[in-house]
Amino acid sequence: MSRAARYKQAWGQFRDIFANFVEHVPQPANTLEMGWTKQAFFLGAPCLVIAPGVLSSLGTELVKLVENIHFVGTETAAVWRGYIEGAVRSGQRGGAEVSQALSTSSDAYPR
């Protein structure tokens, strides 16, 4: 796809998702693309490299709620970090968190 077509598709998906929650979804001020497979030091590694002890001592900080923002992604998974399995599990966790927040407080996510 051309850059314009990729932007149009990605922006359309983003807008469609968030339009359910806000009246107006503003256009992004800037977008960046990265061809990860073309990066010299990527080499197809499945997950990020963090110094020993960081995730075991600070890993729970990655999933802490900030106001009404929930963080998900393979690096926030309890198991299988760096792999699609971890990303799926993290998405399930995040979905459950949001669902719980929406069902317990009408003020949690104002429209």
N, C-alpha and C. Protein backbone atom coordinates (compact mmCIF):
# COMPACT_ATOMS: atom_id res chain seq x y z
N MET A 1 0.84 -1.18 0.00
CA MET A 1 0.00 0.00 0.00
C MET A 1 0.89 1.24 0.00
N SER A 2 0.36 2.28 -0.56
CA SER A 2 1.08 3.56 -0.51
C SER A 2 1.00 4.11 0.91
N ARG A 3 1.88 5.06 1.20
CA ARG A 3 1.86 5.68 2.54
C ARG A 3 0.48 6.30 2.81
N ALA A 4 -0.08 6.97 1.82
CA ALA A 4 -1.40 7.60 1.99
C ALA A 4 -2.48 6.56 2.26
N ALA A 5 -2.42 5.42 1.58
CA ALA A 5 -3.41 4.36 1.79
C ALA A 5 -3.25 3.74 3.18
N ARG A 6 -2.00 3.56 3.62
CA ARG A 6 -1.76 3.01 4.97
C ARG A 6 -2.30 3.96 6.02
N TYR A 7 -2.02 5.25 5.85
CA TYR A 7 -2.52 6.26 6.78
C TYR A 7 -4.04 6.25 6.82
N LYS A 8 -4.66 6.24 5.65
CA LYS A 8 -6.12 6.27 5.57
C LYS A 8 -6.73 5.06 6.28
N GLN A 9 -6.15 3.89 6.06
CA GLN A 9 -6.68 2.68 6.70
C GLN A 9 -6.50 2.72 8.21
N ALA A 10 -5.29 3.06 8.67
CA ALA A 10 -5.01 3.09 10.11
C ALA A 10 -5.86 4.16 10.79
N TRP A 11 -5.92 5.36 10.20
CA TRP A 11 -6.70 6.44 10.79
C TRP A 11 -8.19 6.09 10.82
N GLY A 12 -8.68 5.46 9.77
CA GLY A 12 -10.09 5.06 9.74
C GLY A 12 -10.43 4.08 10.85
N GLN A 13 -9.57 3.11 11.08
CA GLN A 13 -9.79 2.15 12.16
C GLN A 13 -9.76 2.85 13.52
N PHE A 14 -8.77 3.71 13.73
CA PHE A 14 -8.64 4.44 14.98
C PHE A 14 -9.88 5.30 15.24
N ARG A 15 -10.28 6.06 14.22
CA ARG A 15 -11.45 6.94 14.33
C ARG A 15 -12.71 6.14 14.62
N ASP A 16 -12.91 5.02 13.92
CA ASP A 16 -14.11 4.21 14.11
C ASP A 16 -14.20 3.67 15.53
N ILE A 17 -13.07 3.28 16.08
CA ILE A 17 -13.07 2.74 17.45
C ILE A 17 -13.39 3.83 18.46
N PHE A 18 -12.70 4.96 18.38
CA PHE A 18 -12.86 5.99 19.40
C PHE A 18 -14.10 6.85 19.20
N ALA A 19 -14.71 6.81 18.03
CA ALA A 19 -15.94 7.57 17.79
C ALA A 19 -17.08 7.07 18.67
N ASN A 20 -16.98 5.86 19.18
CA ASN A 20 -17.99 5.33 20.10
C ASN A 20 -17.92 6.00 21.47
N PHE A 21 -16.82 6.68 21.75
CA PHE A 21 -16.61 7.21 23.10
C PHE A 21 -16.54 8.73 23.18
N VAL A 22 -16.25 9.38 22.06
CA VAL A 22 -16.15 10.83 22.06
C VAL A 22 -16.92 11.39 20.87
N GLU A 23 -17.34 12.62 21.01
CA GLU A 23 -18.12 13.24 19.94
C GLU A 23 -17.27 13.53 18.70
N HIS A 24 -16.03 13.98 18.91
CA HIS A 24 -15.15 14.32 17.80
C HIS A 24 -13.77 13.72 18.04
N VAL A 25 -13.29 12.97 17.07
CA VAL A 25 -11.94 12.41 17.15
C VAL A 25 -11.04 13.28 16.29
N PRO A 26 -10.12 14.03 16.92
CA PRO A 26 -9.29 14.94 16.12
C PRO A 26 -8.27 14.20 15.26
N GLN A 27 -7.94 14.80 14.14
CA GLN A 27 -6.90 14.25 13.27
C GLN A 27 -5.57 14.29 14.02
N PRO A 28 -4.70 13.34 13.81
CA PRO A 28 -3.39 13.41 14.47
C PRO A 28 -2.56 14.56 13.92
N ALA A 29 -1.76 15.17 14.80
CA ALA A 29 -0.89 16.27 14.38
C ALA A 29 0.28 15.74 13.56
N ASN A 30 0.66 14.48 13.81
CA ASN A 30 1.80 13.90 13.13
C ASN A 30 1.67 12.38 13.19
N THR A 31 2.20 11.71 12.22
CA THR A 31 2.26 10.25 12.25
C THR A 31 3.67 9.82 11.87
N LEU A 32 4.09 8.72 12.44
CA LEU A 32 5.40 8.17 12.15
C LEU A 32 5.26 6.72 11.75
N GLU A 33 6.03 6.28 10.81
CA GLU A 33 6.07 4.89 10.40
C GLU A 33 7.46 4.34 10.63
N MET A 34 7.53 3.06 10.98
CA MET A 34 8.82 2.44 11.18
C MET A 34 8.82 1.08 10.49
N GLY A 35 9.75 0.87 9.61
CA GLY A 35 9.94 -0.44 8.98
C GLY A 35 10.91 -1.24 9.84
N TRP A 36 10.38 -1.91 10.87
CA TRP A 36 11.24 -2.59 11.85
C TRP A 36 12.18 -3.61 11.22
N THR A 37 11.74 -4.27 10.17
CA THR A 37 12.59 -5.29 9.56
C THR A 37 13.78 -4.68 8.82
N LYS A 38 13.74 -3.37 8.59
CA LYS A 38 14.84 -2.70 7.90
C LYS A 38 15.84 -2.07 8.87
N GLN A 39 15.61 -2.19 10.18
CA GLN A 39 16.50 -1.62 11.17
C GLN A 39 17.70 -2.54 11.38
N ALA A 40 18.87 -1.94 11.43
CA ALA A 40 20.12 -2.70 11.51
C ALA A 40 20.21 -3.61 12.73
N PHE A 41 19.67 -3.20 13.86
CA PHE A 41 19.85 -3.97 15.09
C PHE A 41 18.59 -4.70 15.53
N PHE A 42 17.59 -4.72 14.71
CA PHE A 42 16.36 -5.42 15.07
C PHE A 42 16.56 -6.93 15.01
N LEU A 43 17.01 -7.41 13.88
CA LEU A 43 17.36 -8.82 13.68
C LEU A 43 16.26 -9.81 14.04
N GLY A 44 15.02 -9.38 14.05
CA GLY A 44 13.91 -10.30 14.27
C GLY A 44 13.72 -10.74 15.71
N ALA A 45 14.33 -10.05 16.67
CA ALA A 45 14.16 -10.43 18.07
C ALA A 45 12.70 -10.33 18.46
N PRO A 46 12.17 -11.33 19.17
CA PRO A 46 10.75 -11.34 19.47
C PRO A 46 10.33 -10.38 20.58
N CYS A 47 11.26 -9.94 21.39
CA CYS A 47 10.87 -9.05 22.49
C CYS A 47 12.01 -8.10 22.84
N LEU A 48 11.64 -7.10 23.60
CA LEU A 48 12.62 -6.11 23.99
C LEU A 48 13.67 -6.71 24.92
N VAL A 49 14.80 -6.05 25.01
CA VAL A 49 15.87 -6.50 25.89
C VAL A 49 15.96 -5.52 27.04
N ILE A 50 15.76 -6.02 28.24
CA ILE A 50 15.82 -5.20 29.44
C ILE A 50 16.88 -5.82 30.35
N ALA A 51 17.57 -4.98 31.06
CA ALA A 51 18.62 -5.47 31.97
C ALA A 51 18.04 -6.45 32.99
N PRO A 52 18.83 -7.42 33.43
CA PRO A 52 18.37 -8.39 34.42
C PRO A 52 17.84 -7.71 35.68
N GLY A 53 16.69 -8.19 36.14
CA GLY A 53 16.09 -7.68 37.37
C GLY A 53 15.09 -6.56 37.19
N VAL A 54 15.08 -5.91 36.02
CA VAL A 54 14.18 -4.77 35.83
C VAL A 54 12.72 -5.21 35.84
N LEU A 55 12.37 -6.21 35.04
CA LEU A 55 10.97 -6.64 35.00
C LEU A 55 10.51 -7.25 36.32
N SER A 56 11.39 -7.99 36.98
CA SER A 56 10.98 -8.60 38.24
C SER A 56 10.80 -7.55 39.35
N SER A 57 11.52 -6.44 39.26
CA SER A 57 11.38 -5.42 40.29
C SER A 57 10.42 -4.29 39.90
N LEU A 58 10.28 -4.00 38.62
CA LEU A 58 9.45 -2.88 38.18
C LEU A 58 8.36 -3.28 37.20
N GLY A 59 8.29 -4.53 36.82
CA GLY A 59 7.35 -4.97 35.80
C GLY A 59 5.91 -4.63 36.08
N THR A 60 5.51 -4.64 37.36
CA THR A 60 4.12 -4.33 37.68
C THR A 60 3.79 -2.86 37.41
N GLU A 61 4.80 -2.00 37.35
CA GLU A 61 4.57 -0.59 37.05
C GLU A 61 4.03 -0.40 35.64
N LEU A 62 4.35 -1.34 34.74
CA LEU A 62 3.91 -1.23 33.35
C LEU A 62 2.40 -1.34 33.20
N VAL A 63 1.72 -1.94 34.16
CA VAL A 63 0.29 -2.16 34.03
C VAL A 63 -0.54 -1.28 34.96
N LYS A 64 0.10 -0.40 35.70
CA LYS A 64 -0.65 0.46 36.62
C LYS A 64 -1.50 1.46 35.85
N LEU A 65 -2.73 1.61 36.30
CA LEU A 65 -3.67 2.54 35.72
C LEU A 65 -3.20 3.97 35.95
N VAL A 66 -3.28 4.81 34.94
CA VAL A 66 -2.99 6.23 35.06
C VAL A 66 -4.27 6.96 34.68
N GLU A 67 -4.92 7.54 35.69
CA GLU A 67 -6.25 8.12 35.53
C GLU A 67 -7.16 7.04 34.94
N ASN A 68 -7.69 7.26 33.74
CA ASN A 68 -8.54 6.22 33.14
C ASN A 68 -7.86 5.57 31.93
N ILE A 69 -6.54 5.55 31.94
CA ILE A 69 -5.78 4.94 30.84
C ILE A 69 -5.28 3.58 31.29
N HIS A 70 -5.61 2.56 30.51
CA HIS A 70 -5.18 1.19 30.78
C HIS A 70 -4.09 0.82 29.79
N PHE A 71 -3.05 0.18 30.25
CA PHE A 71 -1.93 -0.19 29.40
C PHE A 71 -1.94 -1.67 29.10
N VAL A 72 -1.88 -2.00 27.82
CA VAL A 72 -1.81 -3.39 27.39
C VAL A 72 -0.72 -3.51 26.33
N GLY A 73 -0.30 -4.69 26.08
CA GLY A 73 0.74 -4.96 25.09
C GLY A 73 1.59 -6.10 25.58
N THR A 74 2.32 -6.68 24.71
CA THR A 74 3.08 -7.87 25.06
C THR A 74 4.03 -7.65 26.23
N GLU A 75 4.58 -6.45 26.38
CA GLU A 75 5.50 -6.18 27.49
C GLU A 75 4.78 -6.10 28.83
N THR A 76 3.46 -5.95 28.83
CA THR A 76 2.71 -5.88 30.08
C THR A 76 2.11 -7.23 30.47
N ALA A 77 2.37 -8.26 29.69
CA ALA A 77 1.81 -9.59 29.97
C ALA A 77 2.48 -10.21 31.19
N ALA A 78 1.70 -10.96 31.96
CA ALA A 78 2.25 -11.67 33.12
C ALA A 78 3.11 -12.85 32.67
N VAL A 79 2.73 -13.47 31.58
CA VAL A 79 3.51 -14.58 31.00
C VAL A 79 3.60 -14.39 29.50
N TRP A 80 4.57 -14.98 28.87
CA TRP A 80 4.80 -14.91 27.43
C TRP A 80 5.06 -13.50 26.94
N ARG A 81 5.80 -12.71 27.73
CA ARG A 81 6.18 -11.36 27.29
C ARG A 81 6.97 -11.46 25.99
N GLY A 82 6.65 -10.56 25.07
CA GLY A 82 7.38 -10.51 23.82
C GLY A 82 6.80 -11.37 22.72
N TYR A 83 5.77 -12.12 23.02
CA TYR A 83 5.18 -13.02 22.04
C TYR A 83 3.70 -12.69 21.85
N ILE A 84 3.12 -13.15 20.75
CA ILE A 84 1.71 -12.87 20.48
C ILE A 84 0.82 -13.41 21.59
N GLU A 85 1.18 -14.54 22.17
CA GLU A 85 0.40 -15.10 23.29
C GLU A 85 0.34 -14.09 24.44
N GLY A 86 1.46 -13.46 24.74
CA GLY A 86 1.48 -12.44 25.80
C GLY A 86 0.63 -11.24 25.43
N ALA A 87 0.68 -10.83 24.17
CA ALA A 87 -0.13 -9.70 23.72
C ALA A 87 -1.62 -10.00 23.85
N VAL A 88 -2.01 -11.22 23.47
CA VAL A 88 -3.41 -11.62 23.58
C VAL A 88 -3.85 -11.63 25.04
N ARG A 89 -3.03 -12.24 25.89
CA ARG A 89 -3.37 -12.30 27.33
C ARG A 89 -3.45 -10.90 27.92
N SER A 90 -2.54 -10.03 27.52
CA SER A 90 -2.55 -8.66 28.01
C SER A 90 -3.82 -7.94 27.54
N GLY A 91 -4.21 -8.15 26.30
CA GLY A 91 -5.44 -7.54 25.79
C GLY A 91 -6.66 -8.02 26.54
N GLN A 92 -6.69 -9.29 26.88
CA GLN A 92 -7.80 -9.83 27.66
C GLN A 92 -7.84 -9.20 29.05
N ARG A 93 -6.66 -9.05 29.66
CA ARG A 93 -6.59 -8.42 30.97
C ARG A 93 -7.08 -6.98 30.89
N GLY A 94 -6.58 -6.23 29.90
CA GLY A 94 -6.99 -4.84 29.75
C GLY A 94 -8.47 -4.69 29.48
N GLY A 95 -9.01 -5.56 28.63
CA GLY A 95 -10.45 -5.52 28.36
C GLY A 95 -11.27 -5.77 29.61
N ALA A 96 -10.82 -6.72 30.43
CA ALA A 96 -11.51 -7.01 31.68
C ALA A 96 -11.43 -5.82 32.64
N GLU A 97 -10.27 -5.15 32.68
CA GLU A 97 -10.12 -3.97 33.54
C GLU A 97 -11.09 -2.87 33.12
N VAL A 98 -11.15 -2.59 31.83
CA VAL A 98 -12.02 -1.53 31.32
C VAL A 98 -13.48 -1.90 31.56
N SER A 99 -13.83 -3.15 31.28
CA SER A 99 -15.20 -3.61 31.50
C SER A 99 -15.61 -3.44 32.98
N GLN A 100 -14.71 -3.83 33.87
CA GLN A 100 -14.97 -3.69 35.30
C GLN A 100 -15.13 -2.22 35.68
N ALA A 101 -14.26 -1.37 35.18
CA ALA A 101 -14.34 0.06 35.49
C ALA A 101 -15.63 0.66 34.98
N LEU A 102 -16.05 0.28 33.78
CA LEU A 102 -17.29 0.82 33.22
C LEU A 102 -18.51 0.33 33.98
N SER A 103 -18.47 -0.89 34.47
CA SER A 103 -19.64 -1.44 35.17
C SER A 103 -19.75 -0.97 36.61
N THR A 104 -18.65 -0.48 37.19
CA THR A 104 -18.70 -0.08 38.60
C THR A 104 -18.81 1.42 38.82
N SER A 105 -18.50 2.21 37.80
CA SER A 105 -18.53 3.66 38.00
C SER A 105 -18.95 4.36 36.72
N SER A 106 -20.04 5.10 36.80
CA SER A 106 -20.47 5.86 35.63
C SER A 106 -19.57 7.08 35.41
N ASP A 107 -18.78 7.46 36.44
CA ASP A 107 -17.88 8.61 36.33
C ASP A 107 -16.50 8.21 35.82
N ALA A 108 -16.22 6.91 35.72
CA ALA A 108 -14.87 6.46 35.35
C ALA A 108 -14.48 6.92 33.97
N TYR A 109 -15.41 6.90 33.03
CA TYR A 109 -15.11 7.25 31.66
C TYR A 109 -16.20 8.18 31.14
N PRO A 110 -16.09 9.47 31.46
CA PRO A 110 -17.13 10.40 31.00
C PRO A 110 -17.14 10.51 29.47
N ARG A 111 -18.31 10.70 28.93
CA ARG A 111 -18.46 10.83 27.47
C ARG A 111 -18.48 12.27 27.05
